Amino acid sequence: MNPEPHDLTVLLNRGIAGDRNAADQAFTFVYDRLRAIAAGPGGAAKPDGTMHATALVHEVFAKLVKSNAATMNDRRHFFSVAAKAMRHIAIDHARKALSKKRGGGAARVSDTNLEAPTGSDPLQVLALDEALKELTDLHERQASVVELRYFAGLSVQEVADTLGCSPRTVELDWRTARAWLRTRLGETDR
């Protein structure tokens, strides 16, 4: 039996506080959703097998529960934090992959659609991360919308609920942020 969303919040917070049984129950509840996110367009799981979705989910969940840094307000807050964790894990893996490669060269981003997977190209992952850092400085909510939509796989309505704004605002921010990112990431093609 799956817990209700408010029960999940209780389980997550008990898990963060050190209750291993609660953490296991929470993990069981969110596992399928996290795995789908990890294998999706913004997830760090790679088709070349260097990081499988299952391993990523375990790494994300372990990072969240072991951090003891914050209390989860609700289910959507959990997925927001999970999106940040997946983004950081994707960046870490991209950096490791690049450090193993020989040679150098400038980053080249061939497709900045944000609806196509970028997890398989470490250069694209790092370029997207740098662009998101810049976007955060310019328009933090737009950057949050990208992170929640792209890395956490949340719907427009879920993002609106998480950020406390209307779905229309999320749609406009998503469209504006994608256009800005296309322009910004396109600069690396020259």
N, C-alpha and C. Protein backbone atom coordinates (compact mmCIF):
# COMPACT_ATOMS: atom_id res chain seq x y z
N MET A 1 0.83 -1.18 0.00
CA MET A 1 0.00 0.00 0.00
C MET A 1 0.88 1.25 0.00
N ASN A 2 0.62 2.17 -0.92
CA ASN A 2 1.39 3.41 -1.01
C ASN A 2 0.89 4.42 0.00
N PRO A 3 1.82 5.13 0.65
CA PRO A 3 1.40 6.15 1.59
C PRO A 3 0.79 7.34 0.86
N GLU A 4 -0.06 8.08 1.54
CA GLU A 4 -0.59 9.33 1.01
C GLU A 4 0.56 10.34 0.94
N PRO A 5 0.42 11.42 0.11
CA PRO A 5 1.49 12.41 0.01
C PRO A 5 1.93 12.98 1.36
N HIS A 6 0.97 13.22 2.28
CA HIS A 6 1.39 13.76 3.59
C HIS A 6 2.14 12.71 4.40
N ASP A 7 1.78 11.43 4.20
CA ASP A 7 2.52 10.35 4.87
C ASP A 7 3.94 10.26 4.33
N LEU A 8 4.09 10.48 3.03
CA LEU A 8 5.42 10.47 2.43
C LEU A 8 6.29 11.54 3.07
N THR A 9 5.73 12.72 3.29
CA THR A 9 6.48 13.80 3.93
C THR A 9 6.96 13.36 5.31
N VAL A 10 6.08 12.72 6.07
CA VAL A 10 6.44 12.22 7.40
C VAL A 10 7.56 11.19 7.29
N LEU A 11 7.41 10.25 6.35
CA LEU A 11 8.44 9.21 6.17
C LEU A 11 9.78 9.82 5.77
N LEU A 12 9.75 10.78 4.84
CA LEU A 12 10.99 11.43 4.41
C LEU A 12 11.67 12.13 5.58
N ASN A 13 10.92 12.86 6.34
CA ASN A 13 11.51 13.58 7.47
C ASN A 13 12.03 12.63 8.55
N ARG A 14 11.33 11.53 8.79
CA ARG A 14 11.81 10.54 9.75
C ARG A 14 13.09 9.88 9.21
N GLY A 15 13.12 9.63 7.89
CA GLY A 15 14.32 9.05 7.29
C GLY A 15 15.51 9.97 7.39
N ILE A 16 15.29 11.26 7.14
CA ILE A 16 16.36 12.24 7.26
C ILE A 16 16.86 12.32 8.70
N ALA A 17 15.94 12.14 9.64
CA ALA A 17 16.31 12.18 11.06
C ALA A 17 17.02 10.91 11.52
N GLY A 18 17.11 9.90 10.64
CA GLY A 18 17.87 8.69 10.99
C GLY A 18 17.06 7.43 11.12
N ASP A 19 15.75 7.48 10.93
CA ASP A 19 14.90 6.30 11.02
C ASP A 19 15.04 5.50 9.73
N ARG A 20 15.84 4.44 9.78
CA ARG A 20 16.15 3.65 8.59
C ARG A 20 14.90 3.00 7.99
N ASN A 21 13.99 2.52 8.83
CA ASN A 21 12.76 1.89 8.35
C ASN A 21 11.90 2.90 7.58
N ALA A 22 11.79 4.11 8.10
CA ALA A 22 11.02 5.15 7.41
C ALA A 22 11.68 5.52 6.09
N ALA A 23 13.00 5.59 6.08
CA ALA A 23 13.73 5.89 4.83
C ALA A 23 13.47 4.81 3.79
N ASP A 24 13.48 3.55 4.21
CA ASP A 24 13.21 2.45 3.29
C ASP A 24 11.80 2.52 2.73
N GLN A 25 10.83 2.85 3.58
CA GLN A 25 9.44 2.97 3.12
C GLN A 25 9.29 4.13 2.14
N ALA A 26 9.93 5.24 2.43
CA ALA A 26 9.87 6.40 1.53
C ALA A 26 10.53 6.06 0.20
N PHE A 27 11.66 5.38 0.25
CA PHE A 27 12.37 4.99 -0.96
C PHE A 27 11.49 4.11 -1.85
N THR A 28 10.80 3.15 -1.25
CA THR A 28 9.92 2.27 -1.99
C THR A 28 8.83 3.08 -2.70
N PHE A 29 8.30 4.07 -2.02
CA PHE A 29 7.23 4.89 -2.57
C PHE A 29 7.69 5.74 -3.75
N VAL A 30 8.88 6.32 -3.69
CA VAL A 30 9.33 7.25 -4.73
C VAL A 30 10.23 6.60 -5.78
N TYR A 31 10.58 5.34 -5.59
CA TYR A 31 11.54 4.67 -6.46
C TYR A 31 11.17 4.75 -7.93
N ASP A 32 9.95 4.34 -8.29
CA ASP A 32 9.56 4.30 -9.71
C ASP A 32 9.62 5.69 -10.34
N ARG A 33 9.16 6.70 -9.59
CA ARG A 33 9.18 8.06 -10.15
C ARG A 33 10.62 8.54 -10.33
N LEU A 34 11.48 8.31 -9.36
CA LEU A 34 12.88 8.73 -9.48
C LEU A 34 13.57 7.99 -10.62
N ARG A 35 13.26 6.72 -10.79
CA ARG A 35 13.89 5.95 -11.86
C ARG A 35 13.47 6.48 -13.23
N ALA A 36 12.19 6.84 -13.37
CA ALA A 36 11.71 7.41 -14.63
C ALA A 36 12.40 8.74 -14.91
N ILE A 37 12.59 9.53 -13.86
CA ILE A 37 13.27 10.82 -14.02
C ILE A 37 14.73 10.59 -14.43
N ALA A 38 15.38 9.64 -13.77
CA ALA A 38 16.80 9.36 -14.04
C ALA A 38 17.01 8.89 -15.47
N ALA A 39 16.06 8.14 -16.00
CA ALA A 39 16.19 7.62 -17.36
C ALA A 39 15.68 8.61 -18.40
N GLY A 40 15.00 9.66 -17.95
CA GLY A 40 14.41 10.63 -18.86
C GLY A 40 15.40 11.63 -19.41
N PRO A 41 14.89 12.63 -20.15
CA PRO A 41 15.74 13.60 -20.84
C PRO A 41 16.75 14.32 -19.96
N GLY A 42 16.37 14.70 -18.74
CA GLY A 42 17.28 15.44 -17.90
C GLY A 42 18.05 14.61 -16.92
N GLY A 43 17.74 13.32 -16.88
CA GLY A 43 18.40 12.46 -15.92
C GLY A 43 19.86 12.21 -16.27
N ALA A 44 20.61 11.82 -15.27
CA ALA A 44 22.03 11.60 -15.48
C ALA A 44 22.34 10.19 -15.97
N ALA A 45 21.32 9.33 -16.02
CA ALA A 45 21.56 7.98 -16.52
C ALA A 45 21.92 8.07 -18.00
N LYS A 46 22.91 7.31 -18.39
CA LYS A 46 23.43 7.41 -19.76
C LYS A 46 23.12 6.14 -20.55
N PRO A 47 22.76 6.31 -21.82
CA PRO A 47 22.48 5.13 -22.63
C PRO A 47 23.70 4.26 -22.88
N ASP A 48 24.89 4.81 -22.71
CA ASP A 48 26.10 4.01 -22.95
C ASP A 48 26.43 3.10 -21.77
N GLY A 49 25.60 3.15 -20.72
CA GLY A 49 25.77 2.24 -19.60
C GLY A 49 26.73 2.71 -18.54
N THR A 50 27.30 3.92 -18.66
CA THR A 50 28.25 4.37 -17.65
C THR A 50 27.56 4.67 -16.34
N MET A 51 26.29 4.96 -16.38
CA MET A 51 25.54 5.12 -15.14
C MET A 51 24.11 4.71 -15.42
N HIS A 52 23.67 3.66 -14.80
CA HIS A 52 22.32 3.16 -14.99
C HIS A 52 21.35 3.93 -14.11
N ALA A 53 20.09 3.99 -14.56
CA ALA A 53 19.06 4.71 -13.81
C ALA A 53 18.93 4.18 -12.39
N THR A 54 19.01 2.87 -12.22
CA THR A 54 18.88 2.29 -10.88
C THR A 54 19.99 2.78 -9.96
N ALA A 55 21.22 2.78 -10.45
CA ALA A 55 22.34 3.27 -9.64
C ALA A 55 22.18 4.74 -9.31
N LEU A 56 21.70 5.51 -10.27
CA LEU A 56 21.49 6.94 -10.03
C LEU A 56 20.44 7.16 -8.95
N VAL A 57 19.34 6.42 -9.01
CA VAL A 57 18.27 6.57 -8.01
C VAL A 57 18.82 6.27 -6.61
N HIS A 58 19.59 5.20 -6.50
CA HIS A 58 20.16 4.86 -5.20
C HIS A 58 21.10 5.97 -4.71
N GLU A 59 21.90 6.51 -5.62
CA GLU A 59 22.84 7.57 -5.25
C GLU A 59 22.11 8.84 -4.82
N VAL A 60 21.07 9.20 -5.56
CA VAL A 60 20.28 10.39 -5.23
C VAL A 60 19.62 10.23 -3.86
N PHE A 61 18.96 9.10 -3.67
CA PHE A 61 18.23 8.90 -2.42
C PHE A 61 19.19 8.85 -1.23
N ALA A 62 20.32 8.17 -1.39
CA ALA A 62 21.30 8.11 -0.32
C ALA A 62 21.81 9.51 0.02
N LYS A 63 22.06 10.31 -1.01
CA LYS A 63 22.53 11.68 -0.80
C LYS A 63 21.51 12.50 -0.04
N LEU A 64 20.23 12.34 -0.40
CA LEU A 64 19.18 13.12 0.25
C LEU A 64 18.99 12.72 1.71
N VAL A 65 18.96 11.43 1.96
CA VAL A 65 18.71 10.95 3.32
C VAL A 65 19.92 11.19 4.22
N LYS A 66 21.12 11.02 3.68
CA LYS A 66 22.33 11.19 4.48
C LYS A 66 22.68 12.65 4.76
N SER A 67 22.12 13.56 3.94
CA SER A 67 22.49 14.97 4.10
C SER A 67 22.02 15.55 5.42
N ASN A 68 20.88 15.09 5.92
CA ASN A 68 20.33 15.63 7.16
C ASN A 68 20.27 17.15 7.16
N ALA A 69 20.34 17.74 5.98
CA ALA A 69 20.44 19.20 5.90
C ALA A 69 19.11 19.91 5.98
N ALA A 70 18.06 19.27 5.57
CA ALA A 70 16.79 19.99 5.49
C ALA A 70 15.63 19.07 5.80
N THR A 71 14.54 19.68 6.16
CA THR A 71 13.30 18.97 6.36
C THR A 71 12.49 19.09 5.08
N MET A 72 11.86 18.02 4.68
CA MET A 72 11.03 18.04 3.48
C MET A 72 9.65 18.57 3.85
N ASN A 73 9.21 19.59 3.13
CA ASN A 73 7.90 20.17 3.40
C ASN A 73 6.77 19.32 2.86
N ASP A 74 6.99 18.72 1.71
CA ASP A 74 5.99 17.88 1.08
C ASP A 74 6.63 17.10 -0.05
N ARG A 75 5.80 16.33 -0.74
CA ARG A 75 6.27 15.48 -1.84
C ARG A 75 6.94 16.31 -2.93
N ARG A 76 6.34 17.43 -3.28
CA ARG A 76 6.90 18.26 -4.36
C ARG A 76 8.24 18.86 -3.95
N HIS A 77 8.37 19.22 -2.68
CA HIS A 77 9.66 19.72 -2.19
C HIS A 77 10.71 18.63 -2.34
N PHE A 78 10.34 17.39 -2.04
CA PHE A 78 11.27 16.28 -2.19
C PHE A 78 11.76 16.19 -3.63
N PHE A 79 10.84 16.26 -4.60
CA PHE A 79 11.25 16.13 -6.00
C PHE A 79 12.04 17.34 -6.47
N SER A 80 11.80 18.49 -5.88
CA SER A 80 12.59 19.68 -6.19
C SER A 80 14.04 19.46 -5.73
N VAL A 81 14.19 18.96 -4.51
CA VAL A 81 15.52 18.68 -3.98
C VAL A 81 16.17 17.55 -4.78
N ALA A 82 15.38 16.56 -5.17
CA ALA A 82 15.90 15.46 -5.97
C ALA A 82 16.40 15.95 -7.32
N ALA A 83 15.71 16.92 -7.90
CA ALA A 83 16.15 17.49 -9.19
C ALA A 83 17.52 18.12 -9.05
N LYS A 84 17.72 18.87 -7.97
CA LYS A 84 19.03 19.48 -7.73
C LYS A 84 20.10 18.40 -7.55
N ALA A 85 19.76 17.35 -6.80
CA ALA A 85 20.72 16.27 -6.59
C ALA A 85 21.07 15.58 -7.90
N MET A 86 20.07 15.33 -8.75
CA MET A 86 20.35 14.70 -10.04
C MET A 86 21.21 15.60 -10.92
N ARG A 87 20.93 16.89 -10.87
CA ARG A 87 21.74 17.83 -11.65
C ARG A 87 23.20 17.78 -11.20
N HIS A 88 23.42 17.77 -9.89
CA HIS A 88 24.79 17.75 -9.38
C HIS A 88 25.48 16.42 -9.68
N ILE A 89 24.75 15.34 -9.60
CA ILE A 89 25.33 14.04 -9.91
C ILE A 89 25.68 13.97 -11.40
N ALA A 90 24.78 14.49 -12.25
CA ALA A 90 25.05 14.52 -13.69
C ALA A 90 26.31 15.32 -13.98
N ILE A 91 26.48 16.44 -13.30
CA ILE A 91 27.65 17.29 -13.48
C ILE A 91 28.91 16.56 -13.02
N ASP A 92 28.84 15.93 -11.86
CA ASP A 92 29.99 15.18 -11.35
C ASP A 92 30.42 14.08 -12.32
N HIS A 93 29.44 13.34 -12.84
CA HIS A 93 29.77 12.26 -13.78
C HIS A 93 30.32 12.81 -15.09
N ALA A 94 29.78 13.94 -15.53
CA ALA A 94 30.29 14.55 -16.76
C ALA A 94 31.74 14.99 -16.57
N ARG A 95 32.03 15.58 -15.43
CA ARG A 95 33.42 16.01 -15.17
C ARG A 95 34.36 14.82 -15.11
N LYS A 96 33.92 13.74 -14.48
CA LYS A 96 34.76 12.54 -14.41
C LYS A 96 35.00 11.96 -15.80
N ALA A 97 33.94 11.94 -16.61
CA ALA A 97 34.07 11.40 -17.96
C ALA A 97 35.04 12.24 -18.78
N LEU A 98 34.96 13.55 -18.64
CA LEU A 98 35.86 14.43 -19.39
C LEU A 98 37.30 14.32 -18.91
N SER A 99 37.49 14.10 -17.62
CA SER A 99 38.85 14.00 -17.10
C SER A 99 39.54 12.73 -17.60
N LYS A 100 38.75 11.75 -18.00
CA LYS A 100 39.31 10.50 -18.51
C LYS A 100 39.65 10.58 -20.00
N LYS A 101 39.04 11.54 -20.69
CA LYS A 101 39.28 11.65 -22.13
C LYS A 101 40.62 12.30 -22.40
N ARG A 102 41.20 11.96 -23.52
CA ARG A 102 42.45 12.60 -23.93
C ARG A 102 42.14 13.81 -24.78
N GLY A 103 43.11 14.66 -24.89
CA GLY A 103 42.93 15.83 -25.75
C GLY A 103 42.14 16.91 -25.06
N GLY A 104 41.65 17.83 -25.84
CA GLY A 104 40.91 18.94 -25.28
C GLY A 104 39.94 19.46 -26.28
N GLY A 105 39.92 20.76 -26.42
CA GLY A 105 38.98 21.37 -27.35
C GLY A 105 37.87 22.07 -26.62
N ALA A 106 37.27 22.98 -27.30
CA ALA A 106 36.19 23.76 -26.71
C ALA A 106 34.91 22.95 -26.67
N ALA A 107 34.07 23.28 -25.73
CA ALA A 107 32.77 22.63 -25.64
C ALA A 107 31.94 22.99 -26.86
N ARG A 108 31.28 22.00 -27.43
CA ARG A 108 30.42 22.24 -28.58
C ARG A 108 29.05 21.64 -28.26
N VAL A 109 28.04 22.48 -28.28
CA VAL A 109 26.70 22.03 -28.01
C VAL A 109 25.94 22.02 -29.32
N SER A 110 25.54 20.85 -29.77
CA SER A 110 24.90 20.75 -31.07
C SER A 110 23.40 20.91 -31.02
N ASP A 111 22.77 20.62 -29.91
CA ASP A 111 21.32 20.71 -29.82
C ASP A 111 20.94 21.20 -28.43
N THR A 112 20.31 22.35 -28.37
CA THR A 112 19.93 22.91 -27.08
C THR A 112 18.43 22.96 -26.92
N ASN A 113 17.74 22.01 -27.50
CA ASN A 113 16.29 21.96 -27.47
C ASN A 113 15.75 21.77 -26.06
N LEU A 114 16.47 21.16 -25.17
CA LEU A 114 16.07 20.83 -23.80
C LEU A 114 14.95 19.81 -23.75
N GLU A 115 14.59 19.25 -24.88
CA GLU A 115 13.61 18.18 -24.87
C GLU A 115 14.26 16.90 -25.38
N ALA A 116 15.51 17.01 -25.77
CA ALA A 116 16.27 15.85 -26.20
C ALA A 116 17.28 15.51 -25.12
N PRO A 117 17.60 14.24 -24.92
CA PRO A 117 18.55 13.87 -23.89
C PRO A 117 19.91 14.52 -24.10
N THR A 118 20.49 15.01 -23.02
CA THR A 118 21.85 15.52 -23.10
C THR A 118 22.76 14.74 -22.17
N GLY A 119 22.20 13.79 -21.43
CA GLY A 119 22.97 13.07 -20.44
C GLY A 119 24.13 12.28 -20.99
N SER A 120 24.10 11.94 -22.28
CA SER A 120 25.16 11.11 -22.82
C SER A 120 26.39 11.91 -23.23
N ASP A 121 26.31 13.23 -23.33
CA ASP A 121 27.44 14.06 -23.73
C ASP A 121 27.88 14.94 -22.56
N PRO A 122 29.01 14.61 -21.95
CA PRO A 122 29.47 15.38 -20.79
C PRO A 122 29.64 16.87 -21.07
N LEU A 123 30.07 17.21 -22.28
CA LEU A 123 30.24 18.62 -22.61
C LEU A 123 28.91 19.35 -22.59
N GLN A 124 27.85 18.71 -23.07
CA GLN A 124 26.53 19.33 -23.05
C GLN A 124 26.02 19.50 -21.63
N VAL A 125 26.24 18.51 -20.80
CA VAL A 125 25.80 18.59 -19.41
C VAL A 125 26.49 19.76 -18.71
N LEU A 126 27.79 19.89 -18.89
CA LEU A 126 28.53 20.98 -18.24
C LEU A 126 28.14 22.34 -18.82
N ALA A 127 27.93 22.41 -20.13
CA ALA A 127 27.50 23.67 -20.74
C ALA A 127 26.13 24.07 -20.23
N LEU A 128 25.22 23.13 -20.12
CA LEU A 128 23.89 23.42 -19.59
C LEU A 128 23.98 23.90 -18.15
N ASP A 129 24.82 23.26 -17.35
CA ASP A 129 24.97 23.67 -15.96
C ASP A 129 25.48 25.11 -15.85
N GLU A 130 26.48 25.44 -16.63
CA GLU A 130 27.01 26.81 -16.61
C GLU A 130 25.96 27.82 -17.04
N ALA A 131 25.19 27.48 -18.07
CA ALA A 131 24.13 28.37 -18.54
C ALA A 131 23.05 28.53 -17.47
N LEU A 132 22.72 27.44 -16.78
CA LEU A 132 21.71 27.54 -15.71
C LEU A 132 22.19 28.41 -14.55
N LYS A 133 23.48 28.36 -14.27
CA LYS A 133 24.03 29.23 -13.22
C LYS A 133 23.85 30.70 -13.62
N GLU A 134 24.13 31.01 -14.89
CA GLU A 134 23.95 32.38 -15.38
C GLU A 134 22.48 32.78 -15.34
N LEU A 135 21.61 31.87 -15.76
CA LEU A 135 20.18 32.16 -15.75
C LEU A 135 19.67 32.38 -14.33
N THR A 136 20.21 31.65 -13.38
CA THR A 136 19.82 31.84 -11.98
C THR A 136 20.12 33.26 -11.53
N ASP A 137 21.27 33.79 -11.93
CA ASP A 137 21.63 35.17 -11.59
C ASP A 137 20.69 36.17 -12.24
N LEU A 138 20.22 35.86 -13.44
CA LEU A 138 19.36 36.78 -14.19
C LEU A 138 17.89 36.65 -13.80
N HIS A 139 17.43 35.41 -13.67
CA HIS A 139 16.01 35.17 -13.40
C HIS A 139 15.87 33.83 -12.68
N GLU A 140 15.92 33.89 -11.37
CA GLU A 140 15.97 32.67 -10.56
C GLU A 140 14.77 31.75 -10.78
N ARG A 141 13.57 32.33 -10.90
CA ARG A 141 12.39 31.48 -11.08
C ARG A 141 12.46 30.72 -12.40
N GLN A 142 12.93 31.36 -13.46
CA GLN A 142 13.05 30.66 -14.74
C GLN A 142 14.03 29.49 -14.63
N ALA A 143 15.13 29.71 -13.94
CA ALA A 143 16.10 28.63 -13.73
C ALA A 143 15.47 27.49 -12.93
N SER A 144 14.67 27.84 -11.93
CA SER A 144 13.98 26.81 -11.15
C SER A 144 13.00 26.03 -11.99
N VAL A 145 12.30 26.71 -12.88
CA VAL A 145 11.36 26.04 -13.77
C VAL A 145 12.11 25.03 -14.65
N VAL A 146 13.24 25.43 -15.21
CA VAL A 146 14.03 24.52 -16.05
C VAL A 146 14.48 23.32 -15.22
N GLU A 147 15.00 23.58 -14.05
CA GLU A 147 15.49 22.49 -13.20
C GLU A 147 14.37 21.51 -12.86
N LEU A 148 13.22 22.02 -12.48
CA LEU A 148 12.11 21.16 -12.09
C LEU A 148 11.50 20.42 -13.28
N ARG A 149 11.40 21.08 -14.42
CA ARG A 149 10.83 20.44 -15.60
C ARG A 149 11.83 19.45 -16.21
N TYR A 150 13.07 19.89 -16.36
CA TYR A 150 14.06 19.11 -17.09
C TYR A 150 14.70 18.03 -16.24
N PHE A 151 15.15 18.38 -15.05
CA PHE A 151 15.87 17.41 -14.23
C PHE A 151 14.94 16.56 -13.37
N ALA A 152 13.80 17.13 -12.92
CA ALA A 152 12.89 16.35 -12.07
C ALA A 152 11.71 15.78 -12.84
N GLY A 153 11.50 16.26 -14.06
CA GLY A 153 10.41 15.73 -14.86
C GLY A 153 9.03 16.11 -14.37
N LEU A 154 8.92 17.21 -13.61
CA LEU A 154 7.63 17.62 -13.09
C LEU A 154 6.78 18.24 -14.20
N SER A 155 5.47 18.08 -14.07
CA SER A 155 4.54 18.68 -15.03
C SER A 155 4.46 20.19 -14.76
N VAL A 156 3.83 20.90 -15.68
CA VAL A 156 3.64 22.34 -15.52
C VAL A 156 2.88 22.62 -14.22
N GLN A 157 1.82 21.85 -13.98
CA GLN A 157 1.02 22.05 -12.76
C GLN A 157 1.84 21.77 -11.50
N GLU A 158 2.65 20.72 -11.52
CA GLU A 158 3.48 20.39 -10.35
C GLU A 158 4.51 21.48 -10.10
N VAL A 159 5.10 22.03 -11.16
CA VAL A 159 6.05 23.13 -11.00
C VAL A 159 5.34 24.35 -10.43
N ALA A 160 4.15 24.64 -10.94
CA ALA A 160 3.38 25.78 -10.44
C ALA A 160 3.08 25.62 -8.96
N ASP A 161 2.68 24.42 -8.55
CA ASP A 161 2.41 24.16 -7.13
C ASP A 161 3.67 24.31 -6.29
N THR A 162 4.77 23.81 -6.80
CA THR A 162 6.04 23.87 -6.07
C THR A 162 6.52 25.30 -5.90
N LEU A 163 6.39 26.12 -6.96
CA LEU A 163 6.90 27.48 -6.91
C LEU A 163 5.86 28.50 -6.43
N GLY A 164 4.62 28.06 -6.27
CA GLY A 164 3.59 28.97 -5.79
C GLY A 164 3.18 30.02 -6.82
N CYS A 165 3.11 29.60 -8.08
CA CYS A 165 2.69 30.52 -9.14
C CYS A 165 1.68 29.80 -10.03
N SER A 166 1.18 30.49 -11.03
CA SER A 166 0.18 29.90 -11.91
C SER A 166 0.84 29.01 -12.97
N PRO A 167 0.08 28.05 -13.51
CA PRO A 167 0.61 27.25 -14.61
C PRO A 167 0.98 28.11 -15.82
N ARG A 168 0.23 29.16 -16.06
CA ARG A 168 0.54 30.06 -17.18
C ARG A 168 1.91 30.71 -16.98
N THR A 169 2.22 31.12 -15.76
CA THR A 169 3.53 31.70 -15.46
C THR A 169 4.63 30.69 -15.71
N VAL A 170 4.40 29.45 -15.31
CA VAL A 170 5.39 28.39 -15.55
C VAL A 170 5.60 28.19 -17.05
N GLU A 171 4.51 28.14 -17.81
CA GLU A 171 4.64 27.97 -19.26
C GLU A 171 5.44 29.10 -19.89
N LEU A 172 5.15 30.34 -19.47
CA LEU A 172 5.89 31.49 -20.01
C LEU A 172 7.36 31.44 -19.60
N ASP A 173 7.62 31.13 -18.33
CA ASP A 173 9.01 31.02 -17.87
C ASP A 173 9.74 29.91 -18.60
N TRP A 174 9.09 28.78 -18.82
CA TRP A 174 9.69 27.63 -19.51
C TRP A 174 10.06 28.02 -20.93
N ARG A 175 9.13 28.67 -21.63
CA ARG A 175 9.38 29.08 -23.02
C ARG A 175 10.51 30.13 -23.08
N THR A 176 10.46 31.10 -22.19
CA THR A 176 11.47 32.16 -22.17
C THR A 176 12.85 31.60 -21.82
N ALA A 177 12.89 30.74 -20.82
CA ALA A 177 14.17 30.16 -20.38
C ALA A 177 14.77 29.28 -21.48
N ARG A 178 13.95 28.50 -22.15
CA ARG A 178 14.47 27.66 -23.24
C ARG A 178 15.03 28.51 -24.36
N ALA A 179 14.36 29.61 -24.68
CA ALA A 179 14.87 30.50 -25.74
C ALA A 179 16.19 31.12 -25.31
N TRP A 180 16.27 31.55 -24.06
CA TRP A 180 17.51 32.15 -23.55
C TRP A 180 18.64 31.11 -23.58
N LEU A 181 18.33 29.89 -23.15
CA LEU A 181 19.35 28.84 -23.13
C LEU A 181 19.81 28.47 -24.54
N ARG A 182 18.88 28.42 -25.49
CA ARG A 182 19.28 28.15 -26.88
C ARG A 182 20.28 29.19 -27.36
N THR A 183 19.95 30.46 -27.07
CA THR A 183 20.85 31.55 -27.48
C THR A 183 22.19 31.43 -26.76
N ARG A 184 22.15 31.25 -25.47
CA ARG A 184 23.36 31.18 -24.65
C ARG A 184 24.23 29.99 -25.04
N LEU A 185 23.62 28.82 -25.19
CA LEU A 185 24.39 27.63 -25.52
C LEU A 185 24.82 27.63 -26.97
N GLY A 186 24.10 28.33 -27.82
CA GLY A 186 24.48 28.46 -29.21
C GLY A 186 25.79 29.21 -29.39
N GLU A 187 26.15 30.04 -28.39
CA GLU A 187 27.42 30.78 -28.44
C GLU A 187 28.62 29.84 -28.49
N THR A 188 28.48 28.64 -27.95
CA THR A 188 29.61 27.70 -27.93
C THR A 188 29.83 27.05 -29.27
N ASP A 189 28.86 27.22 -30.22
CA ASP A 189 29.00 26.60 -31.53
C ASP A 189 29.94 27.38 -32.45
N ARG A 190 30.23 28.63 -32.13
CA ARG A 190 31.04 29.48 -33.02
C ARG A 190 32.48 29.15 -32.97
